Amino acid sequence: MPFITSIHDSLPYVDPEPTPTQREAAEALIAAERATVPDDPNHALLRPLYEPKYTPVIAKEIQRHADAKARGAISEPLRALDLSRYEMNEVPLDGTEVAENALTRAYVSQEYLRGRRAHLALLDRFGKNAWLISNWQTEADLKRLEADLAETRKAVDLMTIQRQNVQGEAAGELQSLDGAWRTGVGQVLETEAAAEELRLQILETRRLRAIAGENLD
C-alpha cells in the first residue's frame, strides 16, 4: 500500500488543531479503511500501462538472451537473415549457374545500397531541421503544460484563501452555535439525570409505603 505523500489544505479553519493522540487515532482509522480497498497503481485519468505482446519467435529469442545472461555467457546474435545478399559481389565471368546466382545477388545488393544511399541523403538534408522542429514542438507543449499547472495552482490558492476568509467571517457564528449546542446537550443530560433521580425516589417512596402497610397489617 503506497504512503500518502500529499496533504490537502481542505480542513475547516475554525476547528481547533487535533492533539497528537487524536491525530494518531484518526490516522489509524484511515489506514484501516484504506487497507480494505486495494489501491489502483494507475491514475484513473491515465491510460493503462502498455504491456508488449511479442510473437512466439521474438519471445523465444528474448528468453534465449535472458538465459544466456543468467548463465553469465554471451549470447550469439540471431542469424535469421542472410546479410550477404546486401554485400557487393563479384560476378564470375563464366556462364555457369553459379554466375547467374551471383549476378542476382549483385542486383539485390545494388538496389539495397541505392535505397540506403538515398535515405542517408534525405537524412543529411532534412534530418537536422526535422529534429529541431520536433524539439521546438516538445518545448512548446512543455511550456503549455507548465502554464496550465501554474494556472491550476493559482486557482487552488485563490480558492483556499476564499475558503479561509469565508470560514473566518463565520467563525463567530459557528462558535456561538457550537456553544449553544453544547449547552443544550448539557441541559438534556441534566434533565435526564434529574428525571432518573426522581424515578428512583418515587420507587423508594413506594417501597417504604409498602413496608409500612405490611407492618400495620
C-alpha atoms as a PDB file:
ATOM      1  CA  MET A   1       0.000   0.000   0.000  1.00  0.00           C
ATOM      2  CA  PRO A   2       1.606   3.317  -1.031  1.00  0.00           C
ATOM      3  CA  PHE A   3       2.172   6.047   1.502  1.00  0.00           C
ATOM      4  CA  ILE A   4       0.192   9.284   1.415  1.00  0.00           C
ATOM      5  CA  THR A   5       2.765  11.889   0.418  1.00  0.00           C
ATOM      6  CA  SER A   6       0.481  14.892  -0.098  1.00  0.00           C
ATOM      7  CA  ILE A   7      -1.593  16.870   2.396  1.00  0.00           C
ATOM      8  CA  HIS A   8      -4.512  18.897   1.095  1.00  0.00           C
ATOM      9  CA  ASP A   9      -5.432  22.098   2.921  1.00  0.00           C
ATOM     10  CA  SER A  10      -9.134  21.292   2.963  1.00  0.00           C
ATOM     11  CA  LEU A  11      -9.974  21.012   6.666  1.00  0.00           C
ATOM     12  CA  PRO A  12     -12.137  23.662   8.365  1.00  0.00           C
ATOM     13  CA  TYR A  13     -10.065  26.561   9.659  1.00  0.00           C
ATOM     14  CA  VAL A  14     -12.334  27.219  12.638  1.00  0.00           C
ATOM     15  CA  ASP A  15     -11.806  23.800  14.209  1.00  0.00           C
ATOM     16  CA  PRO A  16      -9.077  23.506  16.845  1.00  0.00           C
ATOM     17  CA  GLU A  17      -5.892  21.650  15.981  1.00  0.00           C
ATOM     18  CA  PRO A  18      -6.195  17.964  16.953  1.00  0.00           C
ATOM     19  CA  THR A  19      -3.970  16.640  19.699  1.00  0.00           C
ATOM     20  CA  PRO A  20      -1.258  14.076  18.880  1.00  0.00           C
ATOM     21  CA  THR A  21      -3.418  11.321  20.378  1.00  0.00           C
ATOM     22  CA  GLN A  22      -6.417  12.339  18.271  1.00  0.00           C
ATOM     23  CA  ARG A  23      -4.276  12.553  15.152  1.00  0.00           C
ATOM     24  CA  GLU A  24      -2.816   9.075  15.729  1.00  0.00           C
ATOM     25  CA  ALA A  25      -6.300   7.650  16.266  1.00  0.00           C
ATOM     26  CA  ALA A  26      -7.569   9.292  13.067  1.00  0.00           C
ATOM     27  CA  GLU A  27      -4.598   8.046  11.047  1.00  0.00           C
ATOM     28  CA  ALA A  28      -5.142   4.530  12.399  1.00  0.00           C
ATOM     29  CA  LEU A  29      -8.784   4.637  11.293  1.00  0.00           C
ATOM     30  CA  ILE A  30      -7.777   5.925   7.851  1.00  0.00           C
ATOM     31  CA  ALA A  31      -5.144   3.189   7.453  1.00  0.00           C
ATOM     32  CA  ALA A  32      -7.654   0.512   8.481  1.00  0.00           C
ATOM     33  CA  GLU A  33     -10.210   1.830   5.979  1.00  0.00           C
ATOM     34  CA  ARG A  34      -7.691   2.063   3.144  1.00  0.00           C
ATOM     35  CA  ALA A  35      -6.485  -1.476   3.818  1.00  0.00           C
ATOM     36  CA  THR A  36      -9.933  -2.821   2.902  1.00  0.00           C
ATOM     37  CA  VAL A  37      -9.799  -1.343  -0.614  1.00  0.00           C
ATOM     38  CA  PRO A  38      -6.943  -2.284  -2.964  1.00  0.00           C
ATOM     39  CA  ASP A  39      -5.043   0.684  -4.322  1.00  0.00           C
ATOM     40  CA  ASP A  40      -5.042   1.351  -8.046  1.00  0.00           C
ATOM     41  CA  PRO A  41      -1.393   1.845  -9.100  1.00  0.00           C
ATOM     42  CA  ASN A  42      -2.573   3.893 -12.083  1.00  0.00           C
ATOM     43  CA  HIS A  43      -4.406   7.169 -12.009  1.00  0.00           C
ATOM     44  CA  ALA A  44      -7.976   6.906 -13.240  1.00  0.00           C
ATOM     45  CA  LEU A  45      -7.332   9.523 -15.937  1.00  0.00           C
ATOM     46  CA  LEU A  46      -4.164   7.892 -17.262  1.00  0.00           C
ATOM     47  CA  ARG A  47      -4.024   5.268 -19.930  1.00  0.00           C
ATOM     48  CA  PRO A  48      -3.312   1.738 -18.684  1.00  0.00           C
ATOM     49  CA  LEU A  49       0.257   0.541 -18.691  1.00  0.00           C
ATOM     50  CA  TYR A  50       1.455  -0.739 -22.039  1.00  0.00           C
ATOM     51  CA  GLU A  51       2.090  -4.441 -21.998  1.00  0.00           C
ATOM     52  CA  PRO A  52       4.148  -5.502 -25.024  1.00  0.00           C
ATOM     53  CA  LYS A  53       2.852  -8.502 -26.907  1.00  0.00           C
ATOM     54  CA  TYR A  54       5.626 -10.387 -28.670  1.00  0.00           C
ATOM     55  CA  THR A  55       5.278 -13.035 -31.286  1.00  0.00           C
ATOM     56  CA  PRO A  56       6.395 -16.535 -30.279  1.00  0.00           C
ATOM     57  CA  VAL A  57       9.615 -16.129 -32.271  1.00  0.00           C
ATOM     58  CA  ILE A  58      10.538 -12.821 -30.612  1.00  0.00           C
ATOM     59  CA  ALA A  59       9.584 -14.154 -27.168  1.00  0.00           C
ATOM     60  CA  LYS A  60      11.770 -17.192 -27.725  1.00  0.00           C
ATOM     61  CA  GLU A  61      14.710 -15.007 -28.763  1.00  0.00           C
ATOM     62  CA  ILE A  62      14.292 -12.746 -25.709  1.00  0.00           C
ATOM     63  CA  GLN A  63      14.204 -15.796 -23.460  1.00  0.00           C
ATOM     64  CA  ARG A  64      17.345 -17.148 -25.134  1.00  0.00           C
ATOM     65  CA  HIS A  65      19.232 -13.922 -24.352  1.00  0.00           C
ATOM     66  CA  ALA A  66      17.884 -13.902 -20.798  1.00  0.00           C
ATOM     67  CA  ASP A  67      19.024 -17.489 -20.226  1.00  0.00           C
ATOM     68  CA  ALA A  68      22.477 -16.688 -21.561  1.00  0.00           C
ATOM     69  CA  LYS A  69      22.724 -13.651 -19.314  1.00  0.00           C
ATOM     70  CA  ALA A  70      21.639 -15.722 -16.305  1.00  0.00           C
ATOM     71  CA  ARG A  71      24.454 -18.196 -17.036  1.00  0.00           C
ATOM     72  CA  GLY A  72      26.938 -15.355 -17.369  1.00  0.00           C
ATOM     73  CA  ALA A  73      27.562 -16.214 -21.009  1.00  0.00           C
ATOM     74  CA  ILE A  74      27.424 -14.028 -24.089  1.00  0.00           C
ATOM     75  CA  SER A  75      24.526 -14.972 -26.345  1.00  0.00           C
ATOM     76  CA  GLU A  76      25.277 -15.292 -30.009  1.00  0.00           C
ATOM     77  CA  PRO A  77      23.442 -12.855 -32.272  1.00  0.00           C
ATOM     78  CA  LEU A  78      20.446 -14.131 -34.145  1.00  0.00           C
ATOM     79  CA  ARG A  79      21.411 -15.103 -37.677  1.00  0.00           C
ATOM     80  CA  ALA A  80      17.932 -15.359 -39.124  1.00  0.00           C
ATOM     81  CA  LEU A  81      18.683 -13.001 -42.016  1.00  0.00           C
ATOM     82  CA  ASP A  82      21.237 -13.617 -44.701  1.00  0.00           C
ATOM     83  CA  LEU A  83      23.080 -10.303 -44.853  1.00  0.00           C
ATOM     84  CA  SER A  84      25.400 -11.472 -47.572  1.00  0.00           C
ATOM     85  CA  ARG A  85      22.769 -10.634 -50.160  1.00  0.00           C
ATOM     86  CA  TYR A  86      23.275  -6.955 -49.374  1.00  0.00           C
ATOM     87  CA  GLU A  87      27.011  -7.088 -49.934  1.00  0.00           C
ATOM     88  CA  MET A  88      28.690  -6.234 -53.191  1.00  0.00           C
ATOM     89  CA  ASN A  89      29.561  -9.419 -55.020  1.00  0.00           C
ATOM     90  CA  GLU A  90      31.925 -10.026 -57.865  1.00  0.00           C
ATOM     91  CA  VAL A  91      30.197 -11.751 -60.741  1.00  0.00           C
ATOM     92  CA  PRO A  92      32.129 -14.678 -62.223  1.00  0.00           C
ATOM     93  CA  LEU A  93      32.799 -14.369 -65.922  1.00  0.00           C
ATOM     94  CA  ASP A  94      31.783 -17.922 -66.817  1.00  0.00           C
ATOM     95  CA  GLY A  95      28.270 -18.844 -67.852  1.00  0.00           C
ATOM     96  CA  THR A  96      27.551 -21.345 -65.107  1.00  0.00           C
ATOM     97  CA  GLU A  97      24.545 -21.343 -62.775  1.00  0.00           C
ATOM     98  CA  VAL A  98      26.808 -20.031 -60.002  1.00  0.00           C
ATOM     99  CA  ALA A  99      27.450 -16.929 -62.070  1.00  0.00           C
ATOM    100  CA  GLU A 100      23.743 -16.344 -62.586  1.00  0.00           C
ATOM    101  CA  ASN A 101      23.052 -16.631 -58.864  1.00  0.00           C
ATOM    102  CA  ALA A 102      25.901 -14.285 -58.098  1.00  0.00           C
ATOM    103  CA  LEU A 103      24.555 -11.789 -60.637  1.00  0.00           C
ATOM    104  CA  THR A 104      21.118 -11.927 -58.986  1.00  0.00           C
ATOM    105  CA  ARG A 105      22.640 -11.281 -55.581  1.00  0.00           C
ATOM    106  CA  ALA A 106      24.629  -8.395 -57.025  1.00  0.00           C
ATOM    107  CA  TYR A 107      21.452  -6.802 -58.402  1.00  0.00           C
ATOM    108  CA  VAL A 108      19.745  -7.163 -54.992  1.00  0.00           C
ATOM    109  CA  SER A 109      22.749  -5.705 -53.229  1.00  0.00           C
ATOM    110  CA  GLN A 110      22.980  -2.807 -55.646  1.00  0.00           C
ATOM    111  CA  GLU A 111      19.296  -1.972 -55.217  1.00  0.00           C
ATOM    112  CA  TYR A 112      19.603  -2.085 -51.438  1.00  0.00           C
ATOM    113  CA  LEU A 113      22.659   0.155 -51.446  1.00  0.00           C
ATOM    114  CA  ARG A 114      20.949   2.601 -53.811  1.00  0.00           C
ATOM    115  CA  GLY A 115      17.971   2.906 -51.467  1.00  0.00           C
ATOM    116  CA  ARG A 116      20.188   3.242 -48.446  1.00  0.00           C
ATOM    117  CA  ARG A 117      22.227   5.986 -50.119  1.00  0.00           C
ATOM    118  CA  ALA A 118      19.021   7.860 -50.969  1.00  0.00           C
ATOM    119  CA  HIS A 119      17.773   7.582 -47.382  1.00  0.00           C
ATOM    120  CA  LEU A 120      21.069   8.804 -45.987  1.00  0.00           C
ATOM    121  CA  ALA A 121      20.994  11.758 -48.385  1.00  0.00           C
ATOM    122  CA  LEU A 122      17.475  12.678 -47.239  1.00  0.00           C
ATOM    123  CA  LEU A 123      18.512  12.329 -43.607  1.00  0.00           C
ATOM    124  CA  ASP A 124      21.550  14.531 -44.176  1.00  0.00           C
ATOM    125  CA  ARG A 125      19.434  17.187 -45.864  1.00  0.00           C
ATOM    126  CA  PHE A 126      16.269  17.232 -43.782  1.00  0.00           C
ATOM    127  CA  GLY A 127      17.120  15.316 -40.608  1.00  0.00           C
ATOM    128  CA  LYS A 128      18.557  18.265 -38.698  1.00  0.00           C
ATOM    129  CA  ASN A 129      15.552  20.502 -39.374  1.00  0.00           C
ATOM    130  CA  ALA A 130      13.108  17.706 -38.521  1.00  0.00           C
ATOM    131  CA  TRP A 131      14.928  17.128 -35.235  1.00  0.00           C
ATOM    132  CA  LEU A 132      14.899  20.863 -34.394  1.00  0.00           C
ATOM    133  CA  ILE A 133      11.195  21.136 -35.239  1.00  0.00           C
ATOM    134  CA  SER A 134      10.442  18.145 -33.038  1.00  0.00           C
ATOM    135  CA  ASN A 135      12.353  19.722 -30.158  1.00  0.00           C
ATOM    136  CA  TRP A 136      10.509  23.011 -30.705  1.00  0.00           C
ATOM    137  CA  GLN A 137       7.139  21.271 -30.594  1.00  0.00           C
ATOM    138  CA  THR A 138       8.099  19.384 -27.438  1.00  0.00           C
ATOM    139  CA  GLU A 139       9.282  22.590 -25.789  1.00  0.00           C
ATOM    140  CA  ALA A 140       6.034  24.346 -26.752  1.00  0.00           C
ATOM    141  CA  ASP A 141       3.994  21.503 -25.276  1.00  0.00           C
ATOM    142  CA  LEU A 142       6.055  21.662 -22.085  1.00  0.00           C
ATOM    143  CA  LYS A 143       5.536  25.427 -21.755  1.00  0.00           C
ATOM    144  CA  ARG A 144       1.793  24.997 -22.290  1.00  0.00           C
ATOM    145  CA  LEU A 145       1.597  22.297 -19.625  1.00  0.00           C
ATOM    146  CA  GLU A 146       3.641  24.412 -17.210  1.00  0.00           C
ATOM    147  CA  ALA A 147       1.306  27.366 -17.819  1.00  0.00           C
ATOM    148  CA  ASP A 148      -1.740  25.169 -17.179  1.00  0.00           C
ATOM    149  CA  LEU A 149      -0.138  23.862 -13.994  1.00  0.00           C
ATOM    150  CA  ALA A 150       0.620  27.392 -12.803  1.00  0.00           C
ATOM    151  CA  GLU A 151      -2.974  28.497 -13.508  1.00  0.00           C
ATOM    152  CA  THR A 152      -4.334  25.466 -11.651  1.00  0.00           C
ATOM    153  CA  ARG A 153      -2.110  26.135  -8.651  1.00  0.00           C
ATOM    154  CA  LYS A 154      -3.157  29.785  -8.669  1.00  0.00           C
ATOM    155  CA  ALA A 155      -6.831  28.781  -8.762  1.00  0.00           C
ATOM    156  CA  VAL A 156      -6.278  26.371  -5.860  1.00  0.00           C
ATOM    157  CA  ASP A 157      -4.531  29.072  -3.827  1.00  0.00           C
ATOM    158  CA  LEU A 158      -7.324  31.579  -4.522  1.00  0.00           C
ATOM    159  CA  MET A 159      -9.960  29.010  -3.570  1.00  0.00           C
ATOM    160  CA  THR A 160      -8.085  28.231  -0.344  1.00  0.00           C
ATOM    161  CA  ILE A 161      -7.874  31.926   0.556  1.00  0.00           C
ATOM    162  CA  GLN A 162     -11.553  32.369  -0.241  1.00  0.00           C
ATOM    163  CA  ARG A 163     -12.495  29.393   1.935  1.00  0.00           C
ATOM    164  CA  GLN A 164     -10.344  30.695   4.741  1.00  0.00           C
ATOM    165  CA  ASN A 165     -11.932  34.160   4.548  1.00  0.00           C
ATOM    166  CA  VAL A 166     -15.477  32.777   4.442  1.00  0.00           C
ATOM    167  CA  GLN A 167     -14.856  30.487   7.390  1.00  0.00           C
ATOM    168  CA  GLY A 168     -13.118  33.280   9.279  1.00  0.00           C
ATOM    169  CA  GLU A 169     -16.131  35.533   8.816  1.00  0.00           C
ATOM    170  CA  ALA A 170     -18.447  32.773  10.026  1.00  0.00           C
ATOM    171  CA  ALA A 171     -16.173  31.702  12.889  1.00  0.00           C
ATOM    172  CA  GLY A 172     -18.012  33.779  15.497  1.00  0.00           C
ATOM    173  CA  GLU A 173     -21.426  32.465  14.466  1.00  0.00           C
ATOM    174  CA  LEU A 174     -20.149  28.890  14.346  1.00  0.00           C
ATOM    175  CA  GLN A 175     -18.606  29.179  17.791  1.00  0.00           C
ATOM    176  CA  SER A 176     -21.847  30.649  19.149  1.00  0.00           C
ATOM    177  CA  LEU A 177     -23.873  27.820  17.622  1.00  0.00           C
ATOM    178  CA  ASP A 178     -21.373  25.289  18.954  1.00  0.00           C
ATOM    179  CA  GLY A 179     -21.645  26.754  22.446  1.00  0.00           C
ATOM    180  CA  ALA A 180     -25.454  26.738  22.265  1.00  0.00           C
ATOM    181  CA  TRP A 181     -25.408  23.141  21.086  1.00  0.00           C
ATOM    182  CA  ARG A 182     -23.109  22.076  23.899  1.00  0.00           C
ATOM    183  CA  THR A 183     -25.287  23.934  26.419  1.00  0.00           C
ATOM    184  CA  GLY A 184     -28.416  22.277  25.038  1.00  0.00           C
ATOM    185  CA  VAL A 185     -26.833  18.830  25.201  1.00  0.00           C
ATOM    186  CA  GLY A 186     -25.728  19.502  28.771  1.00  0.00           C
ATOM    187  CA  GLN A 187     -29.229  20.595  29.756  1.00  0.00           C
ATOM    188  CA  VAL A 188     -30.705  17.460  28.177  1.00  0.00           C
ATOM    189  CA  LEU A 189     -28.293  15.294  30.145  1.00  0.00           C
ATOM    190  CA  GLU A 190     -29.057  17.172  33.358  1.00  0.00           C
ATOM    191  CA  THR A 191     -32.787  16.754  32.746  1.00  0.00           C
ATOM    192  CA  GLU A 192     -32.405  13.034  32.116  1.00  0.00           C
ATOM    193  CA  ALA A 193     -30.284  12.669  35.274  1.00  0.00           C
ATOM    194  CA  ALA A 194     -32.859  14.588  37.337  1.00  0.00           C
ATOM    195  CA  ALA A 195     -35.686  12.502  35.897  1.00  0.00           C
ATOM    196  CA  GLU A 196     -33.820   9.310  36.723  1.00  0.00           C
ATOM    197  CA  GLU A 197     -33.174  10.525  40.275  1.00  0.00           C
ATOM    198  CA  LEU A 198     -36.874  11.423  40.672  1.00  0.00           C
ATOM    199  CA  ARG A 199     -37.893   7.985  39.397  1.00  0.00           C
ATOM    200  CA  LEU A 200     -35.630   6.320  41.947  1.00  0.00           C
ATOM    201  CA  GLN A 201     -37.108   8.494  44.710  1.00  0.00           C
ATOM    202  CA  ILE A 202     -40.634   7.511  43.676  1.00  0.00           C
ATOM    203  CA  LEU A 203     -39.686   3.842  43.699  1.00  0.00           C
ATOM    204  CA  GLU A 204     -38.074   4.222  47.098  1.00  0.00           C
ATOM    205  CA  THR A 205     -41.172   6.008  48.470  1.00  0.00           C
ATOM    206  CA  ARG A 206     -43.437   3.259  47.147  1.00  0.00           C
ATOM    207  CA  ARG A 207     -41.203   0.634  48.698  1.00  0.00           C
ATOM    208  CA  LEU A 208     -41.286   2.377  52.086  1.00  0.00           C
ATOM    209  CA  ARG A 209     -45.095   2.735  51.950  1.00  0.00           C
ATOM    210  CA  ALA A 210     -45.425  -0.912  51.068  1.00  0.00           C
ATOM    211  CA  ILE A 211     -43.255  -1.874  54.055  1.00  0.00           C
ATOM    212  CA  ALA A 212     -45.276   0.463  56.358  1.00  0.00           C
ATOM    213  CA  GLY A 213     -48.543  -1.067  55.137  1.00  0.00           C
ATOM    214  CA  GLU A 214     -47.338  -4.546  55.862  1.00  0.00           C
ATOM    215  CA  ASN A 215     -46.334  -3.544  59.399  1.00  0.00           C
ATOM    216  CA  LEU A 216     -49.814  -2.063  60.073  1.00  0.00           C
ATOM    217  CA  ASP A 217     -51.460  -5.273  58.971  1.00  0.00           C
END
